[in-house]
Amino acid sequence: MLELRPNCELCDKDLGPHAPDAMICSYECTYCSDCVAKILRNVCPKCGGGFEKRPMRPHKAWREEFKLGLENHPPSTRRVHNTFSSDTIEAHVKRIEHLAPKDR
Protein backbone atom coordinates (compact mmCIF):
# COMPACT_ATOMS: atom_id res chain seq x y z
CA MET A 1 0.00 0.00 0.00
CA LEU A 2 1.34 3.45 -0.89
CA GLU A 3 2.35 5.69 1.99
CA LEU A 4 0.85 8.81 0.31
CA ARG A 5 3.45 11.27 1.59
CA PRO A 6 2.02 14.72 2.30
CA ASN A 7 4.57 16.97 0.59
CA CYS A 8 7.00 17.53 -2.25
CA GLU A 9 10.37 16.41 -0.93
CA LEU A 10 12.09 19.28 -2.73
CA CYS A 11 9.94 22.43 -2.47
CA ASP A 12 7.74 21.21 0.45
CA LYS A 13 4.50 21.95 -1.42
CA ASP A 14 1.52 20.25 0.21
CA LEU A 15 0.44 17.18 -1.74
CA GLY A 16 -2.70 15.81 -0.17
CA PRO A 17 -3.99 12.34 -1.05
CA HIS A 18 -5.88 13.69 -4.07
CA ALA A 19 -3.26 16.15 -5.34
CA PRO A 20 -3.35 15.96 -9.14
CA ASP A 21 0.31 17.01 -9.38
CA ALA A 22 1.83 14.41 -7.01
CA MET A 23 4.51 12.30 -8.70
CA ILE A 24 6.30 9.23 -7.28
CA CYS A 25 9.20 6.98 -8.22
CA SER A 26 9.08 3.22 -7.63
CA TYR A 27 10.40 3.78 -4.08
CA GLU A 28 7.64 6.33 -3.36
CA CYS A 29 9.92 9.36 -3.34
CA THR A 30 7.31 12.09 -3.76
CA TYR A 31 7.63 15.35 -5.68
CA CYS A 32 5.30 17.85 -7.30
CA SER A 33 5.06 17.81 -11.08
CA ASP A 34 6.77 21.24 -11.31
CA CYS A 35 9.90 20.01 -9.50
CA VAL A 36 9.91 16.77 -11.52
CA ALA A 37 9.72 18.69 -14.81
CA LYS A 38 11.86 21.75 -14.12
CA ILE A 39 14.52 20.63 -11.62
CA LEU A 40 14.67 16.83 -11.58
CA ARG A 41 13.86 16.40 -15.28
CA ASN A 42 12.22 13.03 -14.53
CA VAL A 43 15.26 11.68 -12.64
CA CYS A 44 14.76 10.62 -9.01
CA PRO A 45 17.64 12.09 -7.00
CA LYS A 46 17.83 8.93 -4.88
CA CYS A 47 17.34 5.93 -7.17
CA GLY A 48 17.74 7.50 -10.61
CA GLY A 49 14.42 6.13 -11.80
CA GLY A 50 11.64 8.07 -13.46
CA PHE A 51 8.39 9.37 -12.03
CA GLU A 52 4.74 8.55 -12.56
CA LYS A 53 1.55 10.29 -11.46
CA ARG A 54 0.67 9.08 -7.97
CA PRO A 55 -2.64 7.17 -7.93
CA MET A 56 -5.48 8.50 -5.81
CA ARG A 57 -6.86 6.37 -3.02
CA PRO A 58 -10.67 6.26 -2.83
CA HIS A 59 -12.28 8.15 0.05
CA LYS A 60 -14.25 5.18 1.32
CA ALA A 61 -14.29 1.41 1.21
CA TRP A 62 -16.52 0.52 -1.71
CA ARG A 63 -16.33 -3.14 -0.67
CA GLU A 64 -16.74 -3.28 3.10
CA GLU A 65 -15.20 -6.76 3.34
CA PHE A 66 -11.79 -5.32 2.33
CA LYS A 67 -11.72 -2.26 4.63
CA LEU A 68 -9.94 -0.09 2.07
CA GLY A 69 -10.04 3.62 1.26
CA LEU A 70 -8.76 6.69 3.08
CA GLU A 71 -11.18 6.15 5.95
CA ASN A 72 -9.36 2.90 6.80
CA HIS A 73 -5.87 3.71 5.47
CA PRO A 74 -5.21 7.44 5.88
CA PRO A 75 -2.27 9.18 4.19
CA SER A 76 0.99 9.69 6.00
CA THR A 77 1.45 12.89 7.99
CA ARG A 78 5.25 12.54 8.16
CA ARG A 79 6.83 15.16 5.93
CA VAL A 80 9.89 13.95 4.03
CA HIS A 81 12.61 16.30 2.77
CA ASN A 82 15.32 15.72 0.21
CA THR A 83 18.81 15.76 1.75
CA PHE A 84 20.79 16.36 -1.45
CA SER A 85 22.20 19.77 -2.32
CA SER A 86 21.04 21.45 -5.52
CA ASP A 87 24.53 20.95 -7.01
CA THR A 88 24.45 17.24 -6.22
CA ILE A 89 20.98 16.88 -7.75
CA GLU A 90 22.03 18.77 -10.88
CA ALA A 91 25.13 16.59 -11.37
CA HIS A 92 23.11 13.39 -10.85
CA VAL A 93 20.39 14.50 -13.26
CA LYS A 94 22.88 15.55 -15.96
CA ARG A 95 24.66 12.20 -15.70
CA ILE A 96 21.62 10.06 -16.55
CA GLU A 97 18.76 12.22 -17.87
CA HIS A 98 19.57 11.23 -21.46
CA LEU A 99 18.60 7.63 -20.63
CA ALA A 100 14.94 6.64 -20.68
CA PRO A 101 13.75 5.50 -17.22
CA LYS A 102 13.46 1.91 -18.51
CA ASP A 103 17.15 1.96 -19.47
CA ARG A 104 18.59 3.37 -16.24
C-alpha atoms as a PDB file:
ATOM      1  CA  MET A   1       0.000   0.000   0.000  1.00  0.00           C
ATOM      2  CA  LEU A   2       1.336   3.449  -0.889  1.00  0.00           C
ATOM      3  CA  GLU A   3       2.355   5.690   1.985  1.00  0.00           C
ATOM      4  CA  LEU A   4       0.851   8.810   0.312  1.00  0.00           C
ATOM      5  CA  ARG A   5       3.454  11.269   1.588  1.00  0.00           C
ATOM      6  CA  PRO A   6       2.018  14.715   2.298  1.00  0.00           C
ATOM      7  CA  ASN A   7       4.568  16.969   0.590  1.00  0.00           C
ATOM      8  CA  CYS A   8       7.000  17.530  -2.245  1.00  0.00           C
ATOM      9  CA  GLU A   9      10.371  16.413  -0.933  1.00  0.00           C
ATOM     10  CA  LEU A  10      12.094  19.281  -2.732  1.00  0.00           C
ATOM     11  CA  CYS A  11       9.938  22.432  -2.467  1.00  0.00           C
ATOM     12  CA  ASP A  12       7.744  21.206   0.452  1.00  0.00           C
ATOM     13  CA  LYS A  13       4.501  21.946  -1.417  1.00  0.00           C
ATOM     14  CA  ASP A  14       1.515  20.255   0.214  1.00  0.00           C
ATOM     15  CA  LEU A  15       0.441  17.178  -1.745  1.00  0.00           C
ATOM     16  CA  GLY A  16      -2.700  15.807  -0.174  1.00  0.00           C
ATOM     17  CA  PRO A  17      -3.988  12.335  -1.051  1.00  0.00           C
ATOM     18  CA  HIS A  18      -5.884  13.688  -4.074  1.00  0.00           C
ATOM     19  CA  ALA A  19      -3.257  16.151  -5.335  1.00  0.00           C
ATOM     20  CA  PRO A  20      -3.349  15.955  -9.142  1.00  0.00           C
ATOM     21  CA  ASP A  21       0.310  17.010  -9.381  1.00  0.00           C
ATOM     22  CA  ALA A  22       1.829  14.408  -7.012  1.00  0.00           C
ATOM     23  CA  MET A  23       4.506  12.296  -8.698  1.00  0.00           C
ATOM     24  CA  ILE A  24       6.301   9.233  -7.279  1.00  0.00           C
ATOM     25  CA  CYS A  25       9.202   6.977  -8.219  1.00  0.00           C
ATOM     26  CA  SER A  26       9.084   3.221  -7.635  1.00  0.00           C
ATOM     27  CA  TYR A  27      10.399   3.783  -4.084  1.00  0.00           C
ATOM     28  CA  GLU A  28       7.635   6.330  -3.358  1.00  0.00           C
ATOM     29  CA  CYS A  29       9.918   9.361  -3.338  1.00  0.00           C
ATOM     30  CA  THR A  30       7.310  12.091  -3.758  1.00  0.00           C
ATOM     31  CA  TYR A  31       7.634  15.352  -5.676  1.00  0.00           C
ATOM     32  CA  CYS A  32       5.300  17.847  -7.299  1.00  0.00           C
ATOM     33  CA  SER A  33       5.058  17.815 -11.083  1.00  0.00           C
ATOM     34  CA  ASP A  34       6.769  21.237 -11.307  1.00  0.00           C
ATOM     35  CA  CYS A  35       9.899  20.007  -9.496  1.00  0.00           C
ATOM     36  CA  VAL A  36       9.907  16.766 -11.522  1.00  0.00           C
ATOM     37  CA  ALA A  37       9.717  18.686 -14.810  1.00  0.00           C
ATOM     38  CA  LYS A  38      11.857  21.746 -14.124  1.00  0.00           C
ATOM     39  CA  ILE A  39      14.516  20.629 -11.623  1.00  0.00           C
ATOM     40  CA  LEU A  40      14.672  16.835 -11.584  1.00  0.00           C
ATOM     41  CA  ARG A  41      13.856  16.401 -15.282  1.00  0.00           C
ATOM     42  CA  ASN A  42      12.218  13.031 -14.526  1.00  0.00           C
ATOM     43  CA  VAL A  43      15.255  11.678 -12.636  1.00  0.00           C
ATOM     44  CA  CYS A  44      14.763  10.623  -9.008  1.00  0.00           C
ATOM     45  CA  PRO A  45      17.643  12.085  -6.999  1.00  0.00           C
ATOM     46  CA  LYS A  46      17.829   8.925  -4.877  1.00  0.00           C
ATOM     47  CA  CYS A  47      17.344   5.928  -7.168  1.00  0.00           C
ATOM     48  CA  GLY A  48      17.741   7.503 -10.613  1.00  0.00           C
ATOM     49  CA  GLY A  49      14.421   6.130 -11.797  1.00  0.00           C
ATOM     50  CA  GLY A  50      11.640   8.065 -13.458  1.00  0.00           C
ATOM     51  CA  PHE A  51       8.385   9.372 -12.032  1.00  0.00           C
ATOM     52  CA  GLU A  52       4.738   8.551 -12.561  1.00  0.00           C
ATOM     53  CA  LYS A  53       1.554  10.287 -11.458  1.00  0.00           C
ATOM     54  CA  ARG A  54       0.665   9.078  -7.969  1.00  0.00           C
ATOM     55  CA  PRO A  55      -2.636   7.174  -7.929  1.00  0.00           C
ATOM     56  CA  MET A  56      -5.481   8.505  -5.812  1.00  0.00           C
ATOM     57  CA  ARG A  57      -6.858   6.370  -3.016  1.00  0.00           C
ATOM     58  CA  PRO A  58     -10.670   6.262  -2.829  1.00  0.00           C
ATOM     59  CA  HIS A  59     -12.278   8.148   0.052  1.00  0.00           C
ATOM     60  CA  LYS A  60     -14.252   5.183   1.319  1.00  0.00           C
ATOM     61  CA  ALA A  61     -14.289   1.411   1.210  1.00  0.00           C
ATOM     62  CA  TRP A  62     -16.522   0.516  -1.710  1.00  0.00           C
ATOM     63  CA  ARG A  63     -16.327  -3.139  -0.673  1.00  0.00           C
ATOM     64  CA  GLU A  64     -16.739  -3.283   3.101  1.00  0.00           C
ATOM     65  CA  GLU A  65     -15.198  -6.755   3.337  1.00  0.00           C
ATOM     66  CA  PHE A  66     -11.789  -5.325   2.334  1.00  0.00           C
ATOM     67  CA  LYS A  67     -11.724  -2.258   4.628  1.00  0.00           C
ATOM     68  CA  LEU A  68      -9.945  -0.089   2.069  1.00  0.00           C
ATOM     69  CA  GLY A  69     -10.045   3.619   1.258  1.00  0.00           C
ATOM     70  CA  LEU A  70      -8.758   6.687   3.083  1.00  0.00           C
ATOM     71  CA  GLU A  71     -11.181   6.150   5.951  1.00  0.00           C
ATOM     72  CA  ASN A  72      -9.357   2.904   6.804  1.00  0.00           C
ATOM     73  CA  HIS A  73      -5.871   3.713   5.474  1.00  0.00           C
ATOM     74  CA  PRO A  74      -5.211   7.444   5.876  1.00  0.00           C
ATOM     75  CA  PRO A  75      -2.274   9.176   4.185  1.00  0.00           C
ATOM     76  CA  SER A  76       0.990   9.689   6.002  1.00  0.00           C
ATOM     77  CA  THR A  77       1.450  12.892   7.993  1.00  0.00           C
ATOM     78  CA  ARG A  78       5.251  12.542   8.158  1.00  0.00           C
ATOM     79  CA  ARG A  79       6.834  15.162   5.930  1.00  0.00           C
ATOM     80  CA  VAL A  80       9.892  13.949   4.028  1.00  0.00           C
ATOM     81  CA  HIS A  81      12.613  16.301   2.774  1.00  0.00           C
ATOM     82  CA  ASN A  82      15.319  15.723   0.213  1.00  0.00           C
ATOM     83  CA  THR A  83      18.805  15.764   1.754  1.00  0.00           C
ATOM     84  CA  PHE A  84      20.789  16.360  -1.446  1.00  0.00           C
ATOM     85  CA  SER A  85      22.204  19.770  -2.319  1.00  0.00           C
ATOM     86  CA  SER A  86      21.036  21.447  -5.519  1.00  0.00           C
ATOM     87  CA  ASP A  87      24.527  20.955  -7.007  1.00  0.00           C
ATOM     88  CA  THR A  88      24.449  17.236  -6.215  1.00  0.00           C
ATOM     89  CA  ILE A  89      20.984  16.884  -7.752  1.00  0.00           C
ATOM     90  CA  GLU A  90      22.029  18.772 -10.884  1.00  0.00           C
ATOM     91  CA  ALA A  91      25.127  16.592 -11.372  1.00  0.00           C
ATOM     92  CA  HIS A  92      23.115  13.394 -10.848  1.00  0.00           C
ATOM     93  CA  VAL A  93      20.387  14.496 -13.262  1.00  0.00           C
ATOM     94  CA  LYS A  94      22.879  15.548 -15.965  1.00  0.00           C
ATOM     95  CA  ARG A  95      24.659  12.204 -15.703  1.00  0.00           C
ATOM     96  CA  ILE A  96      21.619  10.064 -16.549  1.00  0.00           C
ATOM     97  CA  GLU A  97      18.760  12.224 -17.874  1.00  0.00           C
ATOM     98  CA  HIS A  98      19.572  11.228 -21.458  1.00  0.00           C
ATOM     99  CA  LEU A  99      18.596   7.634 -20.632  1.00  0.00           C
ATOM    100  CA  ALA A 100      14.943   6.637 -20.679  1.00  0.00           C
ATOM    101  CA  PRO A 101      13.755   5.496 -17.217  1.00  0.00           C
ATOM    102  CA  LYS A 102      13.457   1.912 -18.507  1.00  0.00           C
ATOM    103  CA  ASP A 103      17.147   1.957 -19.472  1.00  0.00           C
ATOM    104  CA  ARG A 104      18.586   3.372 -16.236  1.00  0.00           C
END
